[in-house]
Amino acid sequence: MKTLVLLKDVPSSVEVIIFSDNIGKGLHTLEYQDFCEEYPFRKITFQKSGGEFHDRYIIIDWNTEHQRIYHCGASSKDAGQRITSITEVVDQMIYTDLINKLLKNPMLKLR
């Protein structure tokens, strides 16, 4: 739920896709439902990452002229607790094929 709460102020017009395999403690359906009740105008979908990612990335405006990719050094649940970095990826081309492949992955079913 902590990661979802970070998205509470995202405008309702923004599409948010979370890629995950939901391993470990992961996100549960009940937590997502609670978030949706509290923030009903946020549209968040989940897709399987197929084990392609270990690190965390924020991808903004994919396939537009304003596209940005950021690499996050730590889990968002740890944000503000320890020193970490979020760095913009300069050479985005290395991610193009991977991200397009991920967008074709099946939806992730929460537990």
C-alpha atoms as a PDB file:
ATOM      1  CA  MET A   1       0.000   0.000   0.000  1.00  0.00           C
ATOM      2  CA  LYS A   2       2.902   2.323   0.769  1.00  0.00           C
ATOM      3  CA  THR A   3       3.998   2.398  -2.875  1.00  0.00           C
ATOM      4  CA  LEU A   4       0.452   3.045  -4.067  1.00  0.00           C
ATOM      5  CA  VAL A   5       0.059   5.992  -1.691  1.00  0.00           C
ATOM      6  CA  LEU A   6       2.992   7.647  -3.479  1.00  0.00           C
ATOM      7  CA  LEU A   7       0.691   7.773  -6.522  1.00  0.00           C
ATOM      8  CA  LYS A   8      -2.255   9.407  -4.757  1.00  0.00           C
ATOM      9  CA  ASP A   9      -1.555  12.867  -6.194  1.00  0.00           C
ATOM     10  CA  VAL A  10      -1.095  11.741  -9.785  1.00  0.00           C
ATOM     11  CA  PRO A  11      -3.732  13.503 -11.919  1.00  0.00           C
ATOM     12  CA  SER A  12      -6.600  11.238 -12.928  1.00  0.00           C
ATOM     13  CA  SER A  13      -5.737  11.844 -16.595  1.00  0.00           C
ATOM     14  CA  VAL A  14      -2.359  10.115 -16.152  1.00  0.00           C
ATOM     15  CA  GLU A  15      -2.113   6.430 -17.030  1.00  0.00           C
ATOM     16  CA  VAL A  16      -0.058   4.465 -14.486  1.00  0.00           C
ATOM     17  CA  ILE A  17       1.164   0.946 -15.263  1.00  0.00           C
ATOM     18  CA  ILE A  18       3.065  -0.974 -12.606  1.00  0.00           C
ATOM     19  CA  PHE A  19       5.204  -3.821 -13.935  1.00  0.00           C
ATOM     20  CA  SER A  20       5.860  -6.479 -11.331  1.00  0.00           C
ATOM     21  CA  ASP A  21       5.887 -10.195 -10.750  1.00  0.00           C
ATOM     22  CA  ASN A  22       4.524  -9.565  -7.239  1.00  0.00           C
ATOM     23  CA  ILE A  23       7.123 -11.773  -5.572  1.00  0.00           C
ATOM     24  CA  GLY A  24       7.683 -11.851  -1.828  1.00  0.00           C
ATOM     25  CA  LYS A  25       5.274  -9.935   0.347  1.00  0.00           C
ATOM     26  CA  GLY A  26       3.972  -8.156  -2.732  1.00  0.00           C
ATOM     27  CA  LEU A  27       0.759  -6.261  -3.201  1.00  0.00           C
ATOM     28  CA  HIS A  28      -2.542  -7.864  -2.313  1.00  0.00           C
ATOM     29  CA  THR A  29      -5.970  -7.305  -3.838  1.00  0.00           C
ATOM     30  CA  LEU A  30      -7.322  -5.986  -0.539  1.00  0.00           C
ATOM     31  CA  GLU A  31      -4.615  -3.290  -0.349  1.00  0.00           C
ATOM     32  CA  TYR A  32      -5.356  -2.225  -3.910  1.00  0.00           C
ATOM     33  CA  GLN A  33      -9.094  -2.122  -3.220  1.00  0.00           C
ATOM     34  CA  ASP A  34      -8.473   0.041  -0.136  1.00  0.00           C
ATOM     35  CA  PHE A  35      -6.397   2.423  -2.248  1.00  0.00           C
ATOM     36  CA  CYS A  36      -9.122   2.587  -4.928  1.00  0.00           C
ATOM     37  CA  GLU A  37     -11.748   3.399  -2.312  1.00  0.00           C
ATOM     38  CA  GLU A  38      -9.636   6.183  -0.851  1.00  0.00           C
ATOM     39  CA  TYR A  39      -8.448   7.558  -4.226  1.00  0.00           C
ATOM     40  CA  PRO A  40     -11.210   6.552  -6.669  1.00  0.00           C
ATOM     41  CA  PHE A  41     -10.056   8.604  -9.652  1.00  0.00           C
ATOM     42  CA  ARG A  42      -6.590   7.075  -9.991  1.00  0.00           C
ATOM     43  CA  LYS A  43      -6.285   4.559 -12.805  1.00  0.00           C
ATOM     44  CA  ILE A  44      -3.561   2.039 -12.078  1.00  0.00           C
ATOM     45  CA  THR A  45      -3.066  -1.185 -13.986  1.00  0.00           C
ATOM     46  CA  PHE A  46      -0.642  -4.013 -13.297  1.00  0.00           C
ATOM     47  CA  GLN A  47       1.279  -6.082 -15.824  1.00  0.00           C
ATOM     48  CA  LYS A  48       3.737  -8.924 -15.355  1.00  0.00           C
ATOM     49  CA  SER A  49       7.381  -7.996 -15.762  1.00  0.00           C
ATOM     50  CA  GLY A  50       8.424 -11.550 -16.608  1.00  0.00           C
ATOM     51  CA  GLY A  51      11.490 -11.263 -14.385  1.00  0.00           C
ATOM     52  CA  GLU A  52      12.981  -8.599 -16.668  1.00  0.00           C
ATOM     53  CA  PHE A  53      13.587  -6.024 -13.914  1.00  0.00           C
ATOM     54  CA  HIS A  54      15.436  -6.090 -10.635  1.00  0.00           C
ATOM     55  CA  ASP A  55      15.811  -2.345 -10.250  1.00  0.00           C
ATOM     56  CA  ARG A  56      12.997   0.168 -10.191  1.00  0.00           C
ATOM     57  CA  TYR A  57      12.284   2.591 -13.013  1.00  0.00           C
ATOM     58  CA  ILE A  58       9.911   5.484 -13.511  1.00  0.00           C
ATOM     59  CA  ILE A  59       8.917   5.982 -17.127  1.00  0.00           C
ATOM     60  CA  ILE A  60       7.044   9.151 -17.983  1.00  0.00           C
ATOM     61  CA  ASP A  61       5.243   9.953 -21.246  1.00  0.00           C
ATOM     62  CA  TRP A  62       6.384   6.779 -23.009  1.00  0.00           C
ATOM     63  CA  ASN A  63       6.624   7.094 -26.792  1.00  0.00           C
ATOM     64  CA  THR A  64       6.104  10.848 -26.790  1.00  0.00           C
ATOM     65  CA  GLU A  65       8.499  13.703 -27.421  1.00  0.00           C
ATOM     66  CA  HIS A  66       8.469  14.375 -23.656  1.00  0.00           C
ATOM     67  CA  GLN A  67       9.513  10.829 -22.718  1.00  0.00           C
ATOM     68  CA  ARG A  68      11.702  10.464 -19.624  1.00  0.00           C
ATOM     69  CA  ILE A  69      13.130   7.397 -17.885  1.00  0.00           C
ATOM     70  CA  TYR A  70      14.465   7.475 -14.334  1.00  0.00           C
ATOM     71  CA  HIS A  71      16.386   4.762 -12.505  1.00  0.00           C
ATOM     72  CA  CYS A  72      15.506   4.515  -8.820  1.00  0.00           C
ATOM     73  CA  GLY A  73      18.270   3.258  -6.566  1.00  0.00           C
ATOM     74  CA  ALA A  74      15.989   1.916  -3.857  1.00  0.00           C
ATOM     75  CA  SER A  75      12.492   0.678  -3.313  1.00  0.00           C
ATOM     76  CA  SER A  76       9.878   3.404  -3.041  1.00  0.00           C
ATOM     77  CA  LYS A  77       8.820   1.950   0.306  1.00  0.00           C
ATOM     78  CA  ASP A  78      12.208   3.058   1.682  1.00  0.00           C
ATOM     79  CA  ALA A  79      11.992   6.589   0.275  1.00  0.00           C
ATOM     80  CA  GLY A  80      12.902   9.197   2.844  1.00  0.00           C
ATOM     81  CA  GLN A  81      14.336   6.676   5.287  1.00  0.00           C
ATOM     82  CA  ARG A  82      17.811   6.252   3.799  1.00  0.00           C
ATOM     83  CA  ILE A  83      19.976   8.037   1.280  1.00  0.00           C
ATOM     84  CA  THR A  84      19.233   6.942  -2.263  1.00  0.00           C
ATOM     85  CA  SER A  85      19.244   8.383  -5.768  1.00  0.00           C
ATOM     86  CA  ILE A  86      16.820   8.791  -8.619  1.00  0.00           C
ATOM     87  CA  THR A  87      18.774   9.411 -11.797  1.00  0.00           C
ATOM     88  CA  GLU A  88      17.518  10.292 -15.267  1.00  0.00           C
ATOM     89  CA  VAL A  89      18.558   7.768 -17.921  1.00  0.00           C
ATOM     90  CA  VAL A  90      20.327   9.654 -20.698  1.00  0.00           C
ATOM     91  CA  ASP A  91      20.655   6.823 -23.254  1.00  0.00           C
ATOM     92  CA  GLN A  92      17.011   5.759 -23.380  1.00  0.00           C
ATOM     93  CA  MET A  93      17.373   3.747 -26.593  1.00  0.00           C
ATOM     94  CA  ILE A  94      18.739   0.759 -24.671  1.00  0.00           C
ATOM     95  CA  TYR A  95      15.341   0.463 -22.948  1.00  0.00           C
ATOM     96  CA  THR A  96      13.067   0.908 -25.971  1.00  0.00           C
ATOM     97  CA  ASP A  97      12.767  -2.751 -27.022  1.00  0.00           C
ATOM     98  CA  LEU A  98      12.450  -3.960 -23.432  1.00  0.00           C
ATOM     99  CA  ILE A  99       9.680  -1.513 -22.521  1.00  0.00           C
ATOM    100  CA  ASN A 100       7.749  -2.229 -25.714  1.00  0.00           C
ATOM    101  CA  LYS A 101       8.054  -5.958 -24.919  1.00  0.00           C
ATOM    102  CA  LEU A 102       6.818  -5.411 -21.345  1.00  0.00           C
ATOM    103  CA  LEU A 103       3.773  -3.519 -22.602  1.00  0.00           C
ATOM    104  CA  LYS A 104       2.712  -6.724 -24.397  1.00  0.00           C
ATOM    105  CA  ASN A 105       2.918  -8.832 -21.224  1.00  0.00           C
ATOM    106  CA  PRO A 106      -0.271 -10.163 -19.615  1.00  0.00           C
ATOM    107  CA  MET A 107      -2.035  -8.401 -16.779  1.00  0.00           C
ATOM    108  CA  LEU A 108      -0.786  -9.203 -13.285  1.00  0.00           C
ATOM    109  CA  LYS A 109      -3.337 -10.752 -10.948  1.00  0.00           C
ATOM    110  CA  LEU A 110      -2.906  -9.547  -7.391  1.00  0.00           C
ATOM    111  CA  ARG A 111      -3.101 -12.047  -4.543  1.00  0.00           C
END
